[in-house]
Structure formats: structure tokens, C-alpha cells
PDB file of N, CA and C in Angstrom:
ATOM      1  N   MET A   1       4.799  -7.913  13.470  1.00  0.00           N
ATOM      2  CA  MET A   1       4.856  -7.317  12.142  1.00  0.00           C
ATOM      3  C   MET A   1       3.759  -6.260  11.963  1.00  0.00           C
ATOM      4  N   TRP A   2       2.537  -6.547  12.446  1.00  0.00           N
ATOM      5  CA  TRP A   2       1.436  -5.618  12.259  1.00  0.00           C
ATOM      6  C   TRP A   2       1.711  -4.281  12.927  1.00  0.00           C
ATOM      7  N   ASP A   3       2.292  -4.283  14.119  1.00  0.00           N
ATOM      8  CA  ASP A   3       2.563  -3.014  14.808  1.00  0.00           C
ATOM      9  C   ASP A   3       3.525  -2.147  14.000  1.00  0.00           C
ATOM     10  N   LYS A   4       4.576  -2.759  13.466  1.00  0.00           N
ATOM     11  CA  LYS A   4       5.550  -2.009  12.659  1.00  0.00           C
ATOM     12  C   LYS A   4       4.906  -1.491  11.383  1.00  0.00           C
ATOM     13  N   LEU A   5       4.164  -2.336  10.707  1.00  0.00           N
ATOM     14  CA  LEU A   5       3.501  -1.949   9.467  1.00  0.00           C
ATOM     15  C   LEU A   5       2.438  -0.882   9.722  1.00  0.00           C
ATOM     16  N   ARG A   6       1.666  -1.060  10.769  1.00  0.00           N
ATOM     17  CA  ARG A   6       0.620  -0.093  11.094  1.00  0.00           C
ATOM     18  C   ARG A   6       1.216   1.288  11.364  1.00  0.00           C
ATOM     19  N   SER A   7       2.333   1.349  12.074  1.00  0.00           N
ATOM     20  CA  SER A   7       2.924   2.650  12.404  1.00  0.00           C
ATOM     21  C   SER A   7       3.371   3.405  11.156  1.00  0.00           C
ATOM     22  N   VAL A   8       3.957   2.725  10.181  1.00  0.00           N
ATOM     23  CA  VAL A   8       4.380   3.438   8.964  1.00  0.00           C
ATOM     24  C   VAL A   8       3.186   3.762   8.069  1.00  0.00           C
ATOM     25  N   ILE A   9       2.144   2.932   8.109  1.00  0.00           N
ATOM     26  CA  ILE A   9       0.924   3.253   7.352  1.00  0.00           C
ATOM     27  C   ILE A   9       0.280   4.507   7.917  1.00  0.00           C
ATOM     28  N   LEU A  10       0.230   4.630   9.229  1.00  0.00           N
ATOM     29  CA  LEU A  10      -0.377   5.811   9.847  1.00  0.00           C
ATOM     30  C   LEU A  10       0.362   7.091   9.474  1.00  0.00           C
ATOM     31  N   VAL A  11       1.682   7.026   9.400  1.00  0.00           N
ATOM     32  CA  VAL A  11       2.466   8.195   8.958  1.00  0.00           C
ATOM     33  C   VAL A  11       2.102   8.538   7.520  1.00  0.00           C
ATOM     34  N   TYR A  12       2.011   7.542   6.684  1.00  0.00           N
ATOM     35  CA  TYR A  12       1.645   7.738   5.277  1.00  0.00           C
ATOM     36  C   TYR A  12       0.261   8.385   5.153  1.00  0.00           C
ATOM     37  N   LEU A  13      -0.696   7.882   5.918  1.00  0.00           N
ATOM     38  CA  LEU A  13      -2.058   8.422   5.852  1.00  0.00           C
ATOM     39  C   LEU A  13      -2.091   9.893   6.262  1.00  0.00           C
ATOM     40  N   LYS A  14      -1.350  10.249   7.287  1.00  0.00           N
ATOM     41  CA  LYS A  14      -1.308  11.646   7.718  1.00  0.00           C
ATOM     42  C   LYS A  14      -0.652  12.519   6.657  1.00  0.00           C
ATOM     43  N   ASP A  15       0.454  12.044   6.099  1.00  0.00           N
ATOM     44  CA  ASP A  15       1.161  12.817   5.081  1.00  0.00           C
ATOM     45  C   ASP A  15       0.305  13.066   3.848  1.00  0.00           C
ATOM     46  N   ASP A  16      -0.547  12.125   3.508  1.00  0.00           N
ATOM     47  CA  ASP A  16      -1.387  12.246   2.314  1.00  0.00           C
ATOM     48  C   ASP A  16      -2.817  12.673   2.636  1.00  0.00           C
ATOM     49  N   GLU A  17      -3.030  13.147   3.859  1.00  0.00           N
ATOM     50  CA  GLU A  17      -4.337  13.637   4.281  1.00  0.00           C
ATOM     51  C   GLU A  17      -5.436  12.596   4.080  1.00  0.00           C
ATOM     52  N   LEU A  18      -5.134  11.373   4.464  1.00  0.00           N
ATOM     53  CA  LEU A  18      -6.091  10.272   4.357  1.00  0.00           C
ATOM     54  C   LEU A  18      -6.473   9.768   5.748  1.00  0.00           C
ATOM     55  N   GLU A  19      -6.579  10.699   6.700  1.00  0.00           N
ATOM     56  CA  GLU A  19      -6.841  10.329   8.083  1.00  0.00           C
ATOM     57  C   GLU A  19      -8.142   9.564   8.270  1.00  0.00           C
ATOM     58  N   LYS A  20      -9.050   9.662   7.314  1.00  0.00           N
ATOM     59  CA  LYS A  20     -10.326   8.960   7.466  1.00  0.00           C
ATOM     60  C   LYS A  20     -10.123   7.446   7.572  1.00  0.00           C
ATOM     61  N   TYR A  21      -8.991   6.948   7.136  1.00  0.00           N
ATOM     62  CA  TYR A  21      -8.706   5.515   7.228  1.00  0.00           C
ATOM     63  C   TYR A  21      -8.021   5.129   8.536  1.00  0.00           C
ATOM     64  N   GLU A  22      -7.609   6.123   9.333  1.00  0.00           N
ATOM     65  CA  GLU A  22      -6.891   5.840  10.575  1.00  0.00           C
ATOM     66  C   GLU A  22      -7.671   4.938  11.517  1.00  0.00           C
ATOM     67  N   SER A  23      -8.953   5.204  11.681  1.00  0.00           N
ATOM     68  CA  SER A  23      -9.750   4.424  12.634  1.00  0.00           C
ATOM     69  C   SER A  23      -9.756   2.943  12.280  1.00  0.00           C
ATOM     70  N   LEU A  24      -9.664   2.630  10.999  1.00  0.00           N
ATOM     71  CA  LEU A  24      -9.623   1.226  10.584  1.00  0.00           C
ATOM     72  C   LEU A  24      -8.364   0.542  11.106  1.00  0.00           C
ATOM     73  N   MET A  25      -7.280   1.289  11.209  1.00  0.00           N
ATOM     74  CA  MET A  25      -6.016   0.725  11.675  1.00  0.00           C
ATOM     75  C   MET A  25      -6.065   0.423  13.171  1.00  0.00           C
ATOM     76  N   TYR A  26      -6.723   1.271  13.937  1.00  0.00           N
ATOM     77  CA  TYR A  26      -6.745   1.108  15.385  1.00  0.00           C
ATOM     78  C   TYR A  26      -7.676   0.003  15.835  1.00  0.00           C
ATOM     79  N   ASP A  27      -8.702  -0.267  15.069  1.00  0.00           N
ATOM     80  CA  ASP A  27      -9.694  -1.259  15.469  1.00  0.00           C
ATOM     81  C   ASP A  27      -9.216  -2.692  15.277  1.00  0.00           C
ATOM     82  N   GLU A  28      -8.185  -2.884  14.504  1.00  0.00           N
ATOM     83  CA  GLU A  28      -7.705  -4.231  14.200  1.00  0.00           C
ATOM     84  C   GLU A  28      -6.666  -4.696  15.212  1.00  0.00           C
ATOM     85  N   VAL A  29      -6.871  -5.888  15.747  1.00  0.00           N
ATOM     86  CA  VAL A  29      -5.885  -6.470  16.650  1.00  0.00           C
ATOM     87  C   VAL A  29      -4.784  -7.122  15.825  1.00  0.00           C
ATOM     88  N   THR A  30      -5.146  -8.049  14.983  1.00  0.00           N
ATOM     89  CA  THR A  30      -4.185  -8.713  14.108  1.00  0.00           C
ATOM     90  C   THR A  30      -4.862  -9.062  12.791  1.00  0.00           C
ATOM     91  N   PRO A  31      -4.686  -8.231  11.781  1.00  0.00           N
ATOM     92  CA  PRO A  31      -5.307  -8.548  10.494  1.00  0.00           C
ATOM     93  C   PRO A  31      -4.548  -9.666   9.779  1.00  0.00           C
ATOM     94  N   ASN A  32      -5.140 -10.173   8.741  1.00  0.00           N
ATOM     95  CA  ASN A  32      -4.491 -11.170   7.904  1.00  0.00           C
ATOM     96  C   ASN A  32      -3.511 -10.434   6.990  1.00  0.00           C
ATOM     97  N   ILE A  33      -2.213 -10.752   7.108  1.00  0.00           N
ATOM     98  CA  ILE A  33      -1.178 -10.087   6.310  1.00  0.00           C
ATOM     99  C   ILE A  33      -0.365 -11.138   5.566  1.00  0.00           C
ATOM    100  N   LYS A  34      -0.175 -10.909   4.289  1.00  0.00           N
ATOM    101  CA  LYS A  34       0.733 -11.731   3.479  1.00  0.00           C
ATOM    102  C   LYS A  34       1.696 -10.775   2.803  1.00  0.00           C
ATOM    103  N   SER A  35       2.981 -11.063   2.898  1.00  0.00           N
ATOM    104  CA  SER A  35       4.001 -10.170   2.344  1.00  0.00           C
ATOM    105  C   SER A  35       4.893 -10.921   1.368  1.00  0.00           C
ATOM    106  N   CYS A  36       5.408 -10.178   0.396  1.00  0.00           N
ATOM    107  CA  CYS A  36       6.375 -10.751  -0.531  1.00  0.00           C
ATOM    108  C   CYS A  36       7.365  -9.677  -0.972  1.00  0.00           C
ATOM    109  N   LYS A  37       8.549 -10.130  -1.325  1.00  0.00           N
ATOM    110  CA  LYS A  37       9.594  -9.243  -1.813  1.00  0.00           C
ATOM    111  C   LYS A  37       9.572  -9.284  -3.343  1.00  0.00           C
ATOM    112  N   VAL A  38       9.638  -8.093  -3.962  1.00  0.00           N
ATOM    113  CA  VAL A  38       9.563  -7.988  -5.420  1.00  0.00           C
ATOM    114  C   VAL A  38      10.605  -6.978  -5.889  1.00  0.00           C
ATOM    115  N   LEU A  39      11.170  -7.227  -7.052  1.00  0.00           N
ATOM    116  CA  LEU A  39      12.068  -6.237  -7.648  1.00  0.00           C
ATOM    117  C   LEU A  39      11.280  -4.953  -7.923  1.00  0.00           C
ATOM    118  N   THR A  40      11.881  -3.826  -7.625  1.00  0.00           N
ATOM    119  CA  THR A  40      11.196  -2.546  -7.771  1.00  0.00           C
ATOM    120  C   THR A  40      10.710  -2.330  -9.195  1.00  0.00           C
ATOM    121  N   LYS A  41      11.548  -2.637 -10.171  1.00  0.00           N
ATOM    122  CA  LYS A  41      11.157  -2.446 -11.571  1.00  0.00           C
ATOM    123  C   LYS A  41       9.965  -3.326 -11.932  1.00  0.00           C
ATOM    124  N   GLU A  42       9.972  -4.565 -11.457  1.00  0.00           N
ATOM    125  CA  GLU A  42       8.837  -5.453 -11.730  1.00  0.00           C
ATOM    126  C   GLU A  42       7.560  -4.924 -11.093  1.00  0.00           C
ATOM    127  N   ALA A  43       7.666  -4.444  -9.854  1.00  0.00           N
ATOM    128  CA  ALA A  43       6.492  -3.880  -9.177  1.00  0.00           C
ATOM    129  C   ALA A  43       5.957  -2.698  -9.975  1.00  0.00           C
ATOM    130  N   HIS A  44       6.856  -1.837 -10.441  1.00  0.00           N
ATOM    131  CA  HIS A  44       6.418  -0.671 -11.217  1.00  0.00           C
ATOM    132  C   HIS A  44       5.722  -1.109 -12.504  1.00  0.00           C
ATOM    133  N   ASP A  45       6.325  -2.048 -13.220  1.00  0.00           N
ATOM    134  CA  ASP A  45       5.745  -2.509 -14.487  1.00  0.00           C
ATOM    135  C   ASP A  45       4.366  -3.149 -14.273  1.00  0.00           C
ATOM    136  N   ILE A  46       4.269  -4.011 -13.280  1.00  0.00           N
ATOM    137  CA  ILE A  46       3.009  -4.716 -13.014  1.00  0.00           C
ATOM    138  C   ILE A  46       1.918  -3.743 -12.601  1.00  0.00           C
ATOM    139  N   TYR A  47       2.238  -2.852 -11.653  1.00  0.00           N
ATOM    140  CA  TYR A  47       1.197  -1.971 -11.128  1.00  0.00           C
ATOM    141  C   TYR A  47       0.902  -0.795 -12.051  1.00  0.00           C
ATOM    142  N   SER A  48       1.818  -0.489 -12.945  1.00  0.00           N
ATOM    143  CA  SER A  48       1.530   0.496 -13.983  1.00  0.00           C
ATOM    144  C   SER A  48       0.459  -0.061 -14.921  1.00  0.00           C
ATOM    145  N   THR A  49       0.602  -1.326 -15.262  1.00  0.00           N
ATOM    146  CA  THR A  49      -0.391  -1.997 -16.101  1.00  0.00           C
ATOM    147  C   THR A  49      -1.726  -2.120 -15.368  1.00  0.00           C
ATOM    148  N   ARG A  50      -1.675  -2.509 -14.097  1.00  0.00           N
ATOM    149  CA  ARG A  50      -2.914  -2.672 -13.324  1.00  0.00           C
ATOM    150  C   ARG A  50      -3.628  -1.341 -13.110  1.00  0.00           C
ATOM    151  N   SER A  51      -2.884  -0.247 -13.135  1.00  0.00           N
ATOM    152  CA  SER A  51      -3.515   1.068 -12.927  1.00  0.00           C
ATOM    153  C   SER A  51      -4.459   1.427 -14.072  1.00  0.00           C
ATOM    154  N   ARG A  52      -4.326   0.731 -15.182  1.00  0.00           N
ATOM    155  CA  ARG A  52      -5.184   0.987 -16.332  1.00  0.00           C
ATOM    156  C   ARG A  52      -6.334  -0.017 -16.427  1.00  0.00           C
ATOM    157  N   SER A  53      -6.516  -0.823 -15.380  1.00  0.00           N
ATOM    158  CA  SER A  53      -7.602  -1.815 -15.381  1.00  0.00           C
ATOM    159  C   SER A  53      -8.947  -1.130 -15.149  1.00  0.00           C
ATOM    160  N   PRO A  54     -10.038  -1.768 -15.565  1.00  0.00           N
ATOM    161  CA  PRO A  54     -11.361  -1.167 -15.361  1.00  0.00           C
ATOM    162  C   PRO A  54     -11.666  -0.826 -13.898  1.00  0.00           C
ATOM    163  N   ALA A  55     -11.219  -1.658 -12.949  1.00  0.00           N
ATOM    164  CA  ALA A  55     -11.501  -1.393 -11.531  1.00  0.00           C
ATOM    165  C   ALA A  55     -10.814  -0.115 -11.058  1.00  0.00           C
ATOM    166  N   SER A  56      -9.582   0.105 -11.498  1.00  0.00           N
ATOM    167  CA  SER A  56      -8.889   1.323 -11.061  1.00  0.00           C
ATOM    168  C   SER A  56      -9.451   2.550 -11.772  1.00  0.00           C
ATOM    169  N   LEU A  57      -9.826   2.395 -13.013  1.00  0.00           N
ATOM    170  CA  LEU A  57     -10.378   3.528 -13.753  1.00  0.00           C
ATOM    171  C   LEU A  57     -11.758   3.927 -13.230  1.00  0.00           C
ATOM    172  N   SER A  58     -12.488   2.970 -12.678  1.00  0.00           N
ATOM    173  CA  SER A  58     -13.818   3.277 -12.147  1.00  0.00           C
ATOM    174  C   SER A  58     -13.761   3.807 -10.716  1.00  0.00           C
ATOM    175  N   GLY A  59     -12.585   3.806 -10.118  1.00  0.00           N
ATOM    176  CA  GLY A  59     -12.452   4.309  -8.754  1.00  0.00           C
ATOM    177  C   GLY A  59     -12.608   3.253  -7.680  1.00  0.00           C
ATOM    178  N   LYS A  60     -12.758   1.993  -8.059  1.00  0.00           N
ATOM    179  CA  LYS A  60     -12.888   0.935  -7.065  1.00  0.00           C
ATOM    180  C   LYS A  60     -11.549   0.618  -6.401  1.00  0.00           C
ATOM    181  N   ILE A  61     -10.453   1.016  -7.037  1.00  0.00           N
ATOM    182  CA  ILE A  61      -9.117   0.885  -6.446  1.00  0.00           C
ATOM    183  C   ILE A  61      -8.477   2.260  -6.528  1.00  0.00           C
ATOM    184  N   ARG A  62      -8.046   2.765  -5.371  1.00  0.00           N
ATOM    185  CA  ARG A  62      -7.430   4.091  -5.336  1.00  0.00           C
ATOM    186  C   ARG A  62      -5.997   3.980  -4.840  1.00  0.00           C
ATOM    187  N   GLY A  63      -5.144   4.887  -5.303  1.00  0.00           N
ATOM    188  CA  GLY A  63      -3.790   4.981  -4.793  1.00  0.00           C
ATOM    189  C   GLY A  63      -2.695   4.739  -5.809  1.00  0.00           C
ATOM    190  N   PHE A  64      -3.073   4.446  -7.047  1.00  0.00           N
ATOM    191  CA  PHE A  64      -2.063   4.129  -8.056  1.00  0.00           C
ATOM    192  C   PHE A  64      -1.138   5.297  -8.369  1.00  0.00           C
ATOM    193  N   ASP A  65      -1.671   6.506  -8.470  1.00  0.00           N
ATOM    194  CA  ASP A  65      -0.842   7.649  -8.878  1.00  0.00           C
ATOM    195  C   ASP A  65       0.335   7.858  -7.935  1.00  0.00           C
ATOM    196  N   LYS A  66       0.058   7.925  -6.653  1.00  0.00           N
ATOM    197  CA  LYS A  66       1.113   8.134  -5.659  1.00  0.00           C
ATOM    198  C   LYS A  66       2.078   6.958  -5.641  1.00  0.00           C
ATOM    199  N   LEU A  67       1.565   5.749  -5.724  1.00  0.00           N
ATOM    200  CA  LEU A  67       2.412   4.552  -5.725  1.00  0.00           C
ATOM    201  C   LEU A  67       3.397   4.573  -6.877  1.00  0.00           C
ATOM    202  N   LEU A  68       2.918   4.812  -8.088  1.00  0.00           N
ATOM    203  CA  LEU A  68       3.791   4.793  -9.258  1.00  0.00           C
ATOM    204  C   LEU A  68       4.825   5.911  -9.195  1.00  0.00           C
ATOM    205  N   GLU A  69       4.433   7.055  -8.678  1.00  0.00           N
ATOM    206  CA  GLU A  69       5.368   8.169  -8.502  1.00  0.00           C
ATOM    207  C   GLU A  69       6.496   7.776  -7.542  1.00  0.00           C
ATOM    208  N   GLU A  70       6.154   7.142  -6.437  1.00  0.00           N
ATOM    209  CA  GLU A  70       7.160   6.732  -5.452  1.00  0.00           C
ATOM    210  C   GLU A  70       8.035   5.594  -5.970  1.00  0.00           C
ATOM    211  N   LEU A  71       7.448   4.650  -6.698  1.00  0.00           N
ATOM    212  CA  LEU A  71       8.250   3.561  -7.269  1.00  0.00           C
ATOM    213  C   LEU A  71       9.254   4.089  -8.279  1.00  0.00           C
ATOM    214  N   ASP A  72       8.918   5.178  -8.972  1.00  0.00           N
ATOM    215  CA  ASP A  72       9.865   5.801  -9.898  1.00  0.00           C
ATOM    216  C   ASP A  72      11.053   6.411  -9.162  1.00  0.00           C
ATOM    217  N   LYS A  73      10.820   6.905  -7.944  1.00  0.00           N
ATOM    218  CA  LYS A  73      11.856   7.617  -7.202  1.00  0.00           C
ATOM    219  C   LYS A  73      12.718   6.730  -6.302  1.00  0.00           C
ATOM    220  N   VAL A  74      12.196   5.576  -5.904  1.00  0.00           N
ATOM    221  CA  VAL A  74      12.895   4.754  -4.912  1.00  0.00           C
ATOM    222  C   VAL A  74      14.209   4.217  -5.483  1.00  0.00           C
ATOM    223  N   ASN A  75      15.237   4.214  -4.639  1.00  0.00           N
ATOM    224  CA  ASN A  75      16.558   3.737  -5.066  1.00  0.00           C
ATOM    225  C   ASN A  75      16.797   2.270  -4.742  1.00  0.00           C
ATOM    226  N   ASP A  76      15.924   1.678  -3.929  1.00  0.00           N
ATOM    227  CA  ASP A  76      16.082   0.275  -3.552  1.00  0.00           C
ATOM    228  C   ASP A  76      15.788  -0.629  -4.739  1.00  0.00           C
ATOM    229  N   SER A  77      16.528  -1.720  -4.827  1.00  0.00           N
ATOM    230  CA  SER A  77      16.290  -2.651  -5.934  1.00  0.00           C
ATOM    231  C   SER A  77      15.084  -3.544  -5.680  1.00  0.00           C
ATOM    232  N   THR A  78      14.700  -3.682  -4.404  1.00  0.00           N
ATOM    233  CA  THR A  78      13.523  -4.486  -4.073  1.00  0.00           C
ATOM    234  C   THR A  78      12.602  -3.709  -3.138  1.00  0.00           C
ATOM    235  N   VAL A  79      11.347  -4.073  -3.185  1.00  0.00           N
ATOM    236  CA  VAL A  79      10.337  -3.508  -2.278  1.00  0.00           C
ATOM    237  C   VAL A  79       9.543  -4.676  -1.706  1.00  0.00           C
ATOM    238  N   LEU A  80       8.839  -4.401  -0.627  1.00  0.00           N
ATOM    239  CA  LEU A  80       7.931  -5.393  -0.061  1.00  0.00           C
ATOM    240  C   LEU A  80       6.498  -4.995  -0.381  1.00  0.00           C
ATOM    241  N   ILE A  81       5.699  -5.975  -0.724  1.00  0.00           N
ATOM    242  CA  ILE A  81       4.281  -5.759  -0.964  1.00  0.00           C
ATOM    243  C   ILE A  81       3.535  -6.571   0.085  1.00  0.00           C
ATOM    244  N   HIS A  82       2.640  -5.899   0.815  1.00  0.00           N
ATOM    245  CA  HIS A  82       1.882  -6.532   1.890  1.00  0.00           C
ATOM    246  C   HIS A  82       0.394  -6.459   1.553  1.00  0.00           C
ATOM    247  N   ARG A  83      -0.252  -7.610   1.506  1.00  0.00           N
ATOM    248  CA  ARG A  83      -1.709  -7.625   1.382  1.00  0.00           C
ATOM    249  C   ARG A  83      -2.262  -7.662   2.795  1.00  0.00           C
ATOM    250  N   VAL A  84      -3.037  -6.639   3.146  1.00  0.00           N
ATOM    251  CA  VAL A  84      -3.565  -6.511   4.500  1.00  0.00           C
ATOM    252  C   VAL A  84      -5.086  -6.575   4.427  1.00  0.00           C
ATOM    253  N   LEU A  85      -5.642  -7.619   5.034  1.00  0.00           N
ATOM    254  CA  LEU A  85      -7.095  -7.769   5.077  1.00  0.00           C
ATOM    255  C   LEU A  85      -7.577  -7.346   6.461  1.00  0.00           C
ATOM    256  N   LEU A  86      -8.179  -6.166   6.507  1.00  0.00           N
ATOM    257  CA  LEU A  86      -8.790  -5.662   7.731  1.00  0.00           C
ATOM    258  C   LEU A  86     -10.258  -6.058   7.716  1.00  0.00           C
ATOM    259  N   SER A  87     -10.911  -5.920   8.817  1.00  0.00           N
ATOM    260  CA  SER A  87     -12.319  -6.326   8.849  1.00  0.00           C
ATOM    261  C   SER A  87     -13.178  -5.474   7.920  1.00  0.00           C
ATOM    262  N   ASN A  88     -12.786  -4.205   7.673  1.00  0.00           N
ATOM    263  CA  ASN A  88     -13.615  -3.299   6.871  1.00  0.00           C
ATOM    264  C   ASN A  88     -13.055  -2.964   5.494  1.00  0.00           C
ATOM    265  N   ILE A  89     -11.809  -3.317   5.236  1.00  0.00           N
ATOM    266  CA  ILE A  89     -11.193  -2.877   3.985  1.00  0.00           C
ATOM    267  C   ILE A  89     -10.000  -3.765   3.642  1.00  0.00           C
ATOM    268  N   LYS A  90      -9.696  -3.817   2.357  1.00  0.00           N
ATOM    269  CA  LYS A  90      -8.514  -4.534   1.884  1.00  0.00           C
ATOM    270  C   LYS A  90      -7.511  -3.497   1.401  1.00  0.00           C
ATOM    271  N   LEU A  91      -6.258  -3.650   1.831  1.00  0.00           N
ATOM    272  CA  LEU A  91      -5.184  -2.752   1.412  1.00  0.00           C
ATOM    273  C   LEU A  91      -4.060  -3.563   0.791  1.00  0.00           C
ATOM    274  N   VAL A  92      -3.386  -2.972  -0.162  1.00  0.00           N
ATOM    275  CA  VAL A  92      -2.113  -3.496  -0.635  1.00  0.00           C
ATOM    276  C   VAL A  92      -1.119  -2.386  -0.355  1.00  0.00           C
ATOM    277  N   VAL A  93      -0.164  -2.690   0.526  1.00  0.00           N
ATOM    278  CA  VAL A  93       0.775  -1.691   1.024  1.00  0.00           C
ATOM    279  C   VAL A  93       2.161  -2.007   0.474  1.00  0.00           C
ATOM    280  N   PHE A  94       2.800  -0.992  -0.079  1.00  0.00           N
ATOM    281  CA  PHE A  94       4.148  -1.124  -0.632  1.00  0.00           C
ATOM    282  C   PHE A  94       5.105  -0.394   0.301  1.00  0.00           C
ATOM    283  N   THR A  95       6.134  -1.102   0.762  1.00  0.00           N
ATOM    284  CA  THR A  95       7.113  -0.478   1.653  1.00  0.00           C
ATOM    285  C   THR A  95       8.520  -0.743   1.140  1.00  0.00           C
ATOM    286  N   ASN A  96       9.468   0.005   1.715  1.00  0.00           N
ATOM    287  CA  ASN A  96      10.853  -0.340   1.455  1.00  0.00           C
ATOM    288  C   ASN A  96      11.139  -1.654   2.183  1.00  0.00           C
ATOM    289  N   TYR A  97      12.310  -2.227   1.952  1.00  0.00           N
ATOM    290  CA  TYR A  97      12.622  -3.553   2.474  1.00  0.00           C
ATOM    291  C   TYR A  97      12.636  -3.588   4.000  1.00  0.00           C
ATOM    292  N   ASP A  98      13.049  -2.497   4.631  1.00  0.00           N
ATOM    293  CA  ASP A  98      13.137  -2.439   6.091  1.00  0.00           C
ATOM    294  C   ASP A  98      11.807  -2.094   6.770  1.00  0.00           C
ATOM    295  N   ILE A  99      10.785  -1.862   5.996  1.00  0.00           N
ATOM    296  CA  ILE A  99       9.462  -1.456   6.482  1.00  0.00           C
ATOM    297  C   ILE A  99       9.575  -0.195   7.349  1.00  0.00           C
ATOM    298  N   THR A 100      10.324   0.777   6.846  1.00  0.00           N
ATOM    299  CA  THR A 100      10.431   2.060   7.545  1.00  0.00           C
ATOM    300  C   THR A 100       9.721   3.171   6.784  1.00  0.00           C
ATOM    301  N   LYS A 101       9.317   2.894   5.534  1.00  0.00           N
ATOM    302  CA  LYS A 101       8.631   3.897   4.730  1.00  0.00           C
ATOM    303  C   LYS A 101       7.609   3.221   3.825  1.00  0.00           C
ATOM    304  N   VAL A 102       6.422   3.791   3.785  1.00  0.00           N
ATOM    305  CA  VAL A 102       5.385   3.330   2.863  1.00  0.00           C
ATOM    306  C   VAL A 102       5.563   4.079   1.546  1.00  0.00           C
ATOM    307  N   LEU A 103       5.617   3.330   0.464  1.00  0.00           N
ATOM    308  CA  LEU A 103       5.748   3.924  -0.864  1.00  0.00           C
ATOM    309  C   LEU A 103       4.377   4.196  -1.476  1.00  0.00           C
ATOM    310  N   GLY A 104       3.409   3.430  -1.074  1.00  0.00           N
ATOM    311  CA  GLY A 104       2.069   3.610  -1.588  1.00  0.00           C
ATOM    312  C   GLY A 104       1.111   2.619  -0.978  1.00  0.00           C
ATOM    313  N   VAL A 105      -0.160   2.967  -1.019  1.00  0.00           N
ATOM    314  CA  VAL A 105      -1.210   2.096  -0.518  1.00  0.00           C
ATOM    315  C   VAL A 105      -2.332   2.063  -1.548  1.00  0.00           C
ATOM    316  N   LEU A 106      -2.726   0.872  -1.922  1.00  0.00           N
ATOM    317  CA  LEU A 106      -3.887   0.730  -2.791  1.00  0.00           C
ATOM    318  C   LEU A 106      -5.084   0.403  -1.906  1.00  0.00           C
ATOM    319  N   PHE A 107      -6.156   1.167  -2.065  1.00  0.00           N
ATOM    320  CA  PHE A 107      -7.374   0.995  -1.284  1.00  0.00           C
ATOM    321  C   PHE A 107      -8.431   0.368  -2.178  1.00  0.00           C
ATOM    322  N   PHE A 108      -9.034  -0.704  -1.722  1.00  0.00           N
ATOM    323  CA  PHE A 108     -10.057  -1.405  -2.483  1.00  0.00           C
ATOM    324  C   PHE A 108     -11.408  -1.164  -1.832  1.00  0.00           C
ATOM    325  N   SER A 109     -12.331  -0.567  -2.572  1.00  0.00           N
ATOM    326  CA  SER A 109     -13.683  -0.365  -2.051  1.00  0.00           C
ATOM    327  C   SER A 109     -14.541  -1.555  -2.408  1.00  0.00           C
ATOM    328  N   GLU A 110     -15.626  -1.690  -1.685  1.00  0.00           N
ATOM    329  CA  GLU A 110     -16.564  -2.812  -1.936  1.00  0.00           C
ATOM    330  C   GLU A 110     -17.263  -2.630  -3.254  1.00  0.00           C
TER     331      GLU A 110
END
């Protein structure tokens, strides 16, 4: 699962000019990953609300704008949400059900 997820995350990082996070992906052999399937509308509603939290407004969580934009455009009724704990960073990655496209990545700083 990590190899498939990592490959689509790397494409996403390049597309959004976030290559500085690439090295974190290569250094991990097998991070701790937990995934769940969620209705797209529910994901949008929940993360729209979370985007207004103090942590996101202070910059401790980045990536909400792109995520919400993509969730508005996606035609799938469900999305997958993956919590990825790397040794240096925590990510929440949103993909389509087939894990062929990343819809957004939330980056959590220390």
C-alpha cells in the first residue's frame, strides 16, 4: 500500500511545487498508515469546518485550500483518507477510491 500511495503523493508534490517534502517520502521504509473510506460530501463538510480551526489559521496545518477545491470538483461519491505518520512529519492524504490521484494533502508542522 505504501508504494502505491507514495507514488501518487510524489506526483502531487511535483504538481504543486512542494518538492521539499519529497525526501521525507524516500527515507521511509514503511510508515504507519491508517485509511478509511468517507463520503465525499462528508469529507468536504468536515474539512471545511476544520480549515477554520486555530491550528489551520496559524499555519500549523497547511493544505486546506487545495484540498477543498479538489473535493468540490471530484465526481466520486467516496474518497479515501489516509493518515500517514512518517518519522519527520504527519500527513493526512486524500485520494480517490482507486488511489490513483491525490486530491489533497494536509501537512502538520511541529
